[in-house]
Amino acid sequence: MTPEDIAKLPYRPCAGVCLTNPAGLIWVGERLDRPGAWQMPQGGIDKGEPPEAAAYRELTEETGLPASAVTLLDRIDDPLPYDLPPDIVPKMWKGRYRGQTQHWYRMRYDGPDDAVDLDHHVREFSRWCWMPGPDVLASIVPFKRDIYAKVLGRFDLL
């Protein structure tokens, strides 16, 4: 795909969850398909699905934690866009999107760690842990680093 082709593509609507524990650490999972790449729970918004509902759905699919197990603390009102690197665009989402616009929600989980179930839905992560904000930024794939810095900064986690 040429840069001109990529520039014409739309952004994929997405919802993300910045899940923190009582110590202020952030839940991140290491992607099965990209060892060494960590991320917070996030994923596409289905057609007609409200962004907040998508955030709760993604949280449950990726962590096994139901909406009833978390408390919504904050949200970022305007979705944040990011572009994929040009070489990844044809490989992700069948080349239909140039990147994502993400709606972000901060939630708190006060329950036991053993309630997390990475196999609740289609497994996306090989393992998970709680990390401080600066470590999350150091562990995220480079093309998402700027958006994660905005999210963590907005939620006062850096």
C-alpha atoms as a PDB file:
ATOM      1  CA  MET A   1       0.000   0.000   0.000  1.00  0.00           C
ATOM      2  CA  THR A   2       1.221   3.471  -0.805  1.00  0.00           C
ATOM      3  CA  PRO A   3       1.188   6.294   1.750  1.00  0.00           C
ATOM      4  CA  GLU A   4      -1.640   7.851  -0.283  1.00  0.00           C
ATOM      5  CA  ASP A   5      -3.676   4.619  -0.055  1.00  0.00           C
ATOM      6  CA  ILE A   6      -3.136   4.472   3.704  1.00  0.00           C
ATOM      7  CA  ALA A   7      -4.118   8.130   4.181  1.00  0.00           C
ATOM      8  CA  LYS A   8      -7.514   7.385   2.588  1.00  0.00           C
ATOM      9  CA  LEU A   9      -8.313   4.589   5.055  1.00  0.00           C
ATOM     10  CA  PRO A  10     -10.601   5.209   8.034  1.00  0.00           C
ATOM     11  CA  TYR A  11      -9.725   4.697  11.673  1.00  0.00           C
ATOM     12  CA  ARG A  12     -11.091   1.662  13.498  1.00  0.00           C
ATOM     13  CA  PRO A  13     -13.287   2.623  16.487  1.00  0.00           C
ATOM     14  CA  CYS A  14     -11.853   1.122  19.661  1.00  0.00           C
ATOM     15  CA  ALA A  15     -12.370   1.169  23.422  1.00  0.00           C
ATOM     16  CA  GLY A  16      -9.612   0.755  25.992  1.00  0.00           C
ATOM     17  CA  VAL A  17      -9.519   0.156  29.722  1.00  0.00           C
ATOM     18  CA  CYS A  18      -6.864   1.464  32.059  1.00  0.00           C
ATOM     19  CA  LEU A  19      -7.496  -0.928  34.946  1.00  0.00           C
ATOM     20  CA  THR A  20      -5.771  -0.071  38.197  1.00  0.00           C
ATOM     21  CA  ASN A  21      -5.539  -1.836  41.524  1.00  0.00           C
ATOM     22  CA  PRO A  22      -5.695  -0.154  44.964  1.00  0.00           C
ATOM     23  CA  ALA A  23      -1.922   0.496  44.796  1.00  0.00           C
ATOM     24  CA  GLY A  24      -2.361   2.448  41.531  1.00  0.00           C
ATOM     25  CA  LEU A  25      -0.632  -0.178  39.404  1.00  0.00           C
ATOM     26  CA  ILE A  26      -1.952  -0.829  35.905  1.00  0.00           C
ATOM     27  CA  TRP A  27      -3.116  -4.165  34.487  1.00  0.00           C
ATOM     28  CA  VAL A  28      -1.224  -5.131  31.322  1.00  0.00           C
ATOM     29  CA  GLY A  29      -1.047  -8.312  29.308  1.00  0.00           C
ATOM     30  CA  GLU A  30       1.772  -9.578  27.098  1.00  0.00           C
ATOM     31  CA  ARG A  31       0.391 -10.248  23.621  1.00  0.00           C
ATOM     32  CA  LEU A  32       0.512 -13.835  22.413  1.00  0.00           C
ATOM     33  CA  ASP A  33       1.218 -12.691  18.848  1.00  0.00           C
ATOM     34  CA  ARG A  34       3.979 -10.229  19.817  1.00  0.00           C
ATOM     35  CA  PRO A  35       6.100 -11.523  22.710  1.00  0.00           C
ATOM     36  CA  GLY A  36       7.538  -8.622  24.662  1.00  0.00           C
ATOM     37  CA  ALA A  37       4.655  -6.309  23.643  1.00  0.00           C
ATOM     38  CA  TRP A  38       2.402  -5.428  26.543  1.00  0.00           C
ATOM     39  CA  GLN A  39      -0.902  -3.570  26.440  1.00  0.00           C
ATOM     40  CA  MET A  40      -3.954  -2.651  28.459  1.00  0.00           C
ATOM     41  CA  PRO A  41      -7.299  -4.300  27.615  1.00  0.00           C
ATOM     42  CA  GLN A  42      -8.663  -2.799  24.418  1.00  0.00           C
ATOM     43  CA  GLY A  43     -10.467  -3.733  21.254  1.00  0.00           C
ATOM     44  CA  GLY A  44     -12.855  -2.799  18.501  1.00  0.00           C
ATOM     45  CA  ILE A  45     -16.278  -1.301  19.030  1.00  0.00           C
ATOM     46  CA  ASP A  46     -19.021  -3.330  17.338  1.00  0.00           C
ATOM     47  CA  LYS A  47     -21.447  -1.536  15.029  1.00  0.00           C
ATOM     48  CA  GLY A  48     -24.086   0.228  17.145  1.00  0.00           C
ATOM     49  CA  GLU A  49     -22.277  -0.555  20.410  1.00  0.00           C
ATOM     50  CA  PRO A  50     -21.712   2.369  22.798  1.00  0.00           C
ATOM     51  CA  PRO A  51     -17.987   2.879  23.567  1.00  0.00           C
ATOM     52  CA  GLU A  52     -18.447   2.330  27.320  1.00  0.00           C
ATOM     53  CA  ALA A  53     -20.256  -0.973  26.690  1.00  0.00           C
ATOM     54  CA  ALA A  54     -17.387  -2.005  24.396  1.00  0.00           C
ATOM     55  CA  ALA A  55     -14.881  -1.162  27.133  1.00  0.00           C
ATOM     56  CA  TYR A  56     -16.659  -3.428  29.616  1.00  0.00           C
ATOM     57  CA  ARG A  57     -16.997  -6.186  27.001  1.00  0.00           C
ATOM     58  CA  GLU A  58     -13.297  -6.009  26.122  1.00  0.00           C
ATOM     59  CA  LEU A  59     -12.360  -6.013  29.795  1.00  0.00           C
ATOM     60  CA  THR A  60     -14.365  -9.181  30.375  1.00  0.00           C
ATOM     61  CA  GLU A  61     -13.160 -10.903  27.195  1.00  0.00           C
ATOM     62  CA  GLU A  62      -9.490 -10.198  27.876  1.00  0.00           C
ATOM     63  CA  THR A  63      -9.312 -10.503  31.676  1.00  0.00           C
ATOM     64  CA  GLY A  64     -12.351 -12.582  32.621  1.00  0.00           C
ATOM     65  CA  LEU A  65     -13.407  -9.862  35.079  1.00  0.00           C
ATOM     66  CA  PRO A  66     -17.089  -8.912  34.856  1.00  0.00           C
ATOM     67  CA  ALA A  67     -18.296  -5.304  34.894  1.00  0.00           C
ATOM     68  CA  SER A  68     -19.606  -5.895  38.423  1.00  0.00           C
ATOM     69  CA  ALA A  69     -16.020  -6.480  39.641  1.00  0.00           C
ATOM     70  CA  VAL A  70     -14.750  -3.016  38.690  1.00  0.00           C
ATOM     71  CA  THR A  71     -15.547   0.607  39.456  1.00  0.00           C
ATOM     72  CA  LEU A  72     -15.533   3.232  36.705  1.00  0.00           C
ATOM     73  CA  LEU A  73     -13.334   6.118  37.903  1.00  0.00           C
ATOM     74  CA  ASP A  74     -12.851   8.336  34.869  1.00  0.00           C
ATOM     75  CA  ARG A  75     -13.046   8.579  31.090  1.00  0.00           C
ATOM     76  CA  ILE A  76     -11.443  10.593  28.330  1.00  0.00           C
ATOM     77  CA  ASP A  77     -14.275  12.347  26.529  1.00  0.00           C
ATOM     78  CA  ASP A  78     -12.638  12.709  23.112  1.00  0.00           C
ATOM     79  CA  PRO A  79     -11.354   9.584  21.355  1.00  0.00           C
ATOM     80  CA  LEU A  80      -7.612   9.531  20.765  1.00  0.00           C
ATOM     81  CA  PRO A  81      -6.343   8.470  17.309  1.00  0.00           C
ATOM     82  CA  TYR A  82      -3.142   6.685  16.426  1.00  0.00           C
ATOM     83  CA  ASP A  83      -1.709   5.519  13.120  1.00  0.00           C
ATOM     84  CA  LEU A  84      -0.183   2.127  12.506  1.00  0.00           C
ATOM     85  CA  PRO A  85       3.288   1.975  10.976  1.00  0.00           C
ATOM     86  CA  PRO A  86       2.875   1.756   7.160  1.00  0.00           C
ATOM     87  CA  ASP A  87       4.340  -1.757   6.982  1.00  0.00           C
ATOM     88  CA  ILE A  88       1.741  -3.065   9.468  1.00  0.00           C
ATOM     89  CA  VAL A  89      -1.357  -1.520   7.830  1.00  0.00           C
ATOM     90  CA  PRO A  90      -1.794  -4.263   5.174  1.00  0.00           C
ATOM     91  CA  LYS A  91      -1.399  -6.994   7.837  1.00  0.00           C
ATOM     92  CA  MET A  92      -3.775  -5.659  10.511  1.00  0.00           C
ATOM     93  CA  TRP A  93      -7.557  -5.858  10.135  1.00  0.00           C
ATOM     94  CA  LYS A  94      -7.114  -7.014   6.524  1.00  0.00           C
ATOM     95  CA  GLY A  95      -5.752  -3.594   5.543  1.00  0.00           C
ATOM     96  CA  ARG A  96      -9.101  -1.850   6.118  1.00  0.00           C
ATOM     97  CA  TYR A  97      -7.886   0.719   8.680  1.00  0.00           C
ATOM     98  CA  ARG A  98      -4.970   3.128   9.033  1.00  0.00           C
ATOM     99  CA  GLY A  99      -5.083   2.931  12.834  1.00  0.00           C
ATOM    100  CA  GLN A 100      -7.583   3.368  15.633  1.00  0.00           C
ATOM    101  CA  THR A 101      -9.521   6.042  17.465  1.00  0.00           C
ATOM    102  CA  GLN A 102      -9.649   4.921  21.067  1.00  0.00           C
ATOM    103  CA  HIS A 103     -12.174   5.771  23.775  1.00  0.00           C
ATOM    104  CA  TRP A 104     -10.422   5.311  27.131  1.00  0.00           C
ATOM    105  CA  TYR A 105     -11.882   4.481  30.539  1.00  0.00           C
ATOM    106  CA  ARG A 106     -10.133   4.212  33.879  1.00  0.00           C
ATOM    107  CA  MET A 107     -11.493   1.495  36.131  1.00  0.00           C
ATOM    108  CA  ARG A 108     -10.410   0.129  39.500  1.00  0.00           C
ATOM    109  CA  TYR A 109     -10.322  -3.516  40.511  1.00  0.00           C
ATOM    110  CA  ASP A 110     -10.195  -4.326  44.214  1.00  0.00           C
ATOM    111  CA  GLY A 111     -10.561  -8.114  44.018  1.00  0.00           C
ATOM    112  CA  PRO A 112      -8.129 -11.015  44.124  1.00  0.00           C
ATOM    113  CA  ASP A 113      -5.601 -11.510  41.343  1.00  0.00           C
ATOM    114  CA  ASP A 114      -6.609 -15.146  40.926  1.00  0.00           C
ATOM    115  CA  ALA A 115     -10.002 -14.020  39.543  1.00  0.00           C
ATOM    116  CA  VAL A 116      -8.256 -12.943  36.324  1.00  0.00           C
ATOM    117  CA  ASP A 117      -8.912 -15.567  33.634  1.00  0.00           C
ATOM    118  CA  LEU A 118      -6.995 -15.078  30.397  1.00  0.00           C
ATOM    119  CA  ASP A 119      -8.898 -18.020  28.876  1.00  0.00           C
ATOM    120  CA  HIS A 120     -12.363 -16.553  29.516  1.00  0.00           C
ATOM    121  CA  HIS A 121     -12.706 -15.752  25.795  1.00  0.00           C
ATOM    122  CA  VAL A 122     -10.278 -16.160  22.897  1.00  0.00           C
ATOM    123  CA  ARG A 123      -6.902 -15.884  24.601  1.00  0.00           C
ATOM    124  CA  GLU A 124      -4.910 -12.795  23.545  1.00  0.00           C
ATOM    125  CA  PHE A 125      -2.251 -12.669  26.264  1.00  0.00           C
ATOM    126  CA  SER A 126       0.415 -15.156  27.325  1.00  0.00           C
ATOM    127  CA  ARG A 127       0.627 -13.612  30.806  1.00  0.00           C
ATOM    128  CA  TRP A 128      -0.319 -10.495  32.724  1.00  0.00           C
ATOM    129  CA  CYS A 129       0.893  -8.363  35.614  1.00  0.00           C
ATOM    130  CA  TRP A 130       0.403  -5.065  37.419  1.00  0.00           C
ATOM    131  CA  MET A 131       2.880  -2.346  36.353  1.00  0.00           C
ATOM    132  CA  PRO A 132       3.545   1.263  37.321  1.00  0.00           C
ATOM    133  CA  GLY A 133       2.811   3.812  34.576  1.00  0.00           C
ATOM    134  CA  PRO A 134       6.427   4.448  33.503  1.00  0.00           C
ATOM    135  CA  ASP A 135       6.994   0.686  33.074  1.00  0.00           C
ATOM    136  CA  VAL A 136       3.840   0.418  30.961  1.00  0.00           C
ATOM    137  CA  LEU A 137       5.211   3.097  28.632  1.00  0.00           C
ATOM    138  CA  ALA A 138       8.537   1.296  28.392  1.00  0.00           C
ATOM    139  CA  SER A 139       6.809  -2.021  27.579  1.00  0.00           C
ATOM    140  CA  ILE A 140       4.264  -0.901  24.981  1.00  0.00           C
ATOM    141  CA  VAL A 141       4.922  -1.221  21.250  1.00  0.00           C
ATOM    142  CA  PRO A 142       6.547   2.015  20.049  1.00  0.00           C
ATOM    143  CA  PHE A 143       3.699   3.078  17.746  1.00  0.00           C
ATOM    144  CA  LYS A 144       1.270   3.132  20.711  1.00  0.00           C
ATOM    145  CA  ARG A 145       3.636   4.893  23.134  1.00  0.00           C
ATOM    146  CA  ASP A 146       2.358   8.436  22.457  1.00  0.00           C
ATOM    147  CA  ILE A 147      -1.288   7.505  22.945  1.00  0.00           C
ATOM    148  CA  TYR A 148      -0.492   5.559  26.120  1.00  0.00           C
ATOM    149  CA  ALA A 149       1.436   8.569  27.447  1.00  0.00           C
ATOM    150  CA  LYS A 150      -1.653  10.736  26.849  1.00  0.00           C
ATOM    151  CA  VAL A 151      -3.941   8.218  28.550  1.00  0.00           C
ATOM    152  CA  LEU A 152      -1.703   7.645  31.569  1.00  0.00           C
ATOM    153  CA  GLY A 153      -1.017  11.375  31.876  1.00  0.00           C
ATOM    154  CA  ARG A 154      -4.711  12.209  31.751  1.00  0.00           C
ATOM    155  CA  PHE A 155      -5.410   9.613  34.438  1.00  0.00           C
ATOM    156  CA  ASP A 156      -2.489  10.892  36.603  1.00  0.00           C
ATOM    157  CA  LEU A 157      -0.622   7.575  36.435  1.00  0.00           C
ATOM    158  CA  LEU A 158       2.827   8.810  35.363  1.00  0.00           C
END
